[in-house]
Amino acid sequence: MNDSDKHVADAVRAELARQRIKTPHVADALGVSRPTLYSRLAGKSSFTIRELDRIADVIGVDTLRLIESAILGKRIGDPIETQETEPEPPLQHDPFAQPPRARRHNGRAY
């Protein structure tokens, strides 16, 4: 088992939980026993590409999105950020702004 197996297992487990899909249903769809599926979901053994394809079909997503979710560690429904954004510069002081305790009467300061 390596880190990528664990990340894939985490992503599969998370998406199954989000969609409330029971593991016996997934085991039947994969054609594997429940202990085999539990071993894969625990990250103790690797999913095959064919198994990931079938799981993606059960979940209703593209296999690539499932793998991207494992790589990025994000939910499948979250948008994938393609570029990093720079933080916005702080707002400059408005020289025409009124002081915080300025008194106004009929729209005019006095």
Protein backbone atom coordinates (compact mmCIF):
# COMPACT_ATOMS: atom_id res chain seq x y z
CA MET A 1 0.00 0.00 0.00
CA ASN A 2 1.27 3.48 -0.81
CA ASP A 3 -0.08 7.00 -0.32
CA SER A 4 -1.86 7.07 -3.68
CA ASP A 5 -3.80 3.90 -2.78
CA LYS A 6 -4.86 5.55 0.46
CA HIS A 7 -5.91 8.77 -1.32
CA VAL A 8 -7.96 6.84 -3.89
CA ALA A 9 -9.60 4.79 -1.14
CA ASP A 10 -10.40 7.98 0.80
CA ALA A 11 -11.94 9.60 -2.28
CA VAL A 12 -14.06 6.55 -3.10
CA ARG A 13 -15.19 6.16 0.50
CA ALA A 14 -16.05 9.87 0.78
CA GLU A 15 -18.11 9.93 -2.42
CA LEU A 16 -19.95 6.74 -1.48
CA ALA A 17 -20.82 8.31 1.87
CA ARG A 18 -21.91 11.61 0.31
CA GLN A 19 -24.28 9.82 -2.03
CA ARG A 20 -25.36 7.35 0.66
CA ILE A 21 -24.45 4.34 -1.43
CA LYS A 22 -24.07 1.19 0.65
CA THR A 23 -20.92 -0.90 0.35
CA PRO A 24 -22.80 -4.20 -0.26
CA HIS A 25 -24.31 -2.60 -3.38
CA VAL A 26 -20.84 -1.58 -4.56
CA ALA A 27 -19.40 -5.04 -3.82
CA ASP A 28 -22.16 -6.61 -5.92
CA ALA A 29 -21.53 -4.14 -8.77
CA LEU A 30 -17.80 -4.92 -8.69
CA GLY A 31 -18.31 -8.66 -8.41
CA VAL A 32 -16.07 -8.89 -5.34
CA SER A 33 -16.72 -10.05 -1.80
CA ARG A 34 -17.46 -7.54 0.93
CA PRO A 35 -14.16 -8.24 2.75
CA THR A 36 -12.28 -7.55 -0.49
CA LEU A 37 -14.10 -4.25 -0.93
CA TYR A 38 -13.51 -3.30 2.72
CA SER A 39 -9.80 -4.04 2.26
CA ARG A 40 -9.70 -1.72 -0.75
CA LEU A 41 -11.70 1.00 1.01
CA ALA A 42 -9.30 0.82 3.96
CA GLY A 43 -6.38 1.33 1.58
CA LYS A 44 -4.86 -2.06 2.42
CA SER A 45 -4.98 -3.14 -1.22
CA SER A 46 -5.28 -1.24 -4.48
CA PHE A 47 -8.33 -0.74 -6.67
CA THR A 48 -7.86 -1.82 -10.27
CA ILE A 49 -8.73 0.61 -13.05
CA ARG A 50 -11.64 -1.64 -14.01
CA GLU A 51 -12.95 -1.45 -10.43
CA LEU A 52 -12.61 2.33 -10.39
CA ASP A 53 -14.53 2.47 -13.69
CA ARG A 54 -17.35 0.42 -12.20
CA ILE A 55 -17.39 2.46 -8.98
CA ALA A 56 -17.53 5.67 -11.02
CA ASP A 57 -20.52 4.25 -12.91
CA VAL A 58 -22.26 3.40 -9.64
CA ILE A 59 -21.56 6.89 -8.27
CA GLY A 60 -22.51 8.50 -11.56
CA VAL A 61 -19.28 10.37 -12.27
CA ASP A 62 -16.43 10.10 -14.74
CA THR A 63 -13.52 7.90 -13.64
CA LEU A 64 -11.10 10.75 -14.25
CA ARG A 65 -13.07 12.99 -11.86
CA LEU A 66 -12.84 10.30 -9.20
CA ILE A 67 -9.07 10.07 -9.64
CA GLU A 68 -8.75 13.88 -9.66
CA SER A 69 -10.66 13.96 -6.40
CA ALA A 70 -8.09 11.58 -4.93
CA ILE A 71 -5.19 13.64 -6.25
CA LEU A 72 -6.54 17.00 -5.17
CA GLY A 73 -8.16 15.78 -1.99
CA LYS A 74 -11.35 17.63 -2.84
CA ARG A 75 -14.95 16.72 -3.27
CA ILE A 76 -16.04 15.77 -6.76
CA GLY A 77 -18.70 18.45 -6.77
CA ASP A 78 -16.20 21.21 -6.02
CA PRO A 79 -14.93 23.18 -9.00
CA ILE A 80 -11.35 22.41 -9.93
CA GLU A 81 -9.18 25.49 -9.67
CA THR A 82 -7.07 25.72 -12.78
CA GLN A 83 -5.00 28.73 -11.83
CA GLU A 84 -3.83 30.37 -8.68
CA THR A 85 -5.26 33.78 -7.98
CA GLU A 86 -3.32 36.55 -6.35
CA PRO A 87 -4.83 38.18 -3.29
CA GLU A 88 -6.57 41.45 -3.97
CA PRO A 89 -4.60 44.53 -2.96
CA PRO A 90 -5.84 46.30 0.16
CA LEU A 91 -8.30 49.12 -0.41
CA GLN A 92 -6.77 52.55 -0.65
CA HIS A 93 -7.96 55.32 1.64
CA ASP A 94 -10.59 57.51 -0.01
CA PRO A 95 -9.39 61.13 0.35
CA PHE A 96 -12.96 62.42 -0.03
CA ALA A 97 -14.47 60.17 2.60
CA GLN A 98 -16.07 61.87 5.57
CA PRO A 99 -14.54 61.40 8.99
CA PRO A 100 -16.30 58.75 11.05
CA ARG A 101 -18.02 61.31 13.33
CA ALA A 102 -18.92 63.91 10.70
CA ARG A 103 -22.33 65.48 11.31
CA ARG A 104 -24.67 65.98 8.39
CA HIS A 105 -27.77 68.07 8.01
CA ASN A 106 -29.83 67.89 4.78
CA GLY A 107 -26.99 66.15 2.96
CA ARG A 108 -24.45 68.82 3.92
CA ALA A 109 -21.66 68.42 6.42
CA TYR A 110 -21.15 71.23 8.92
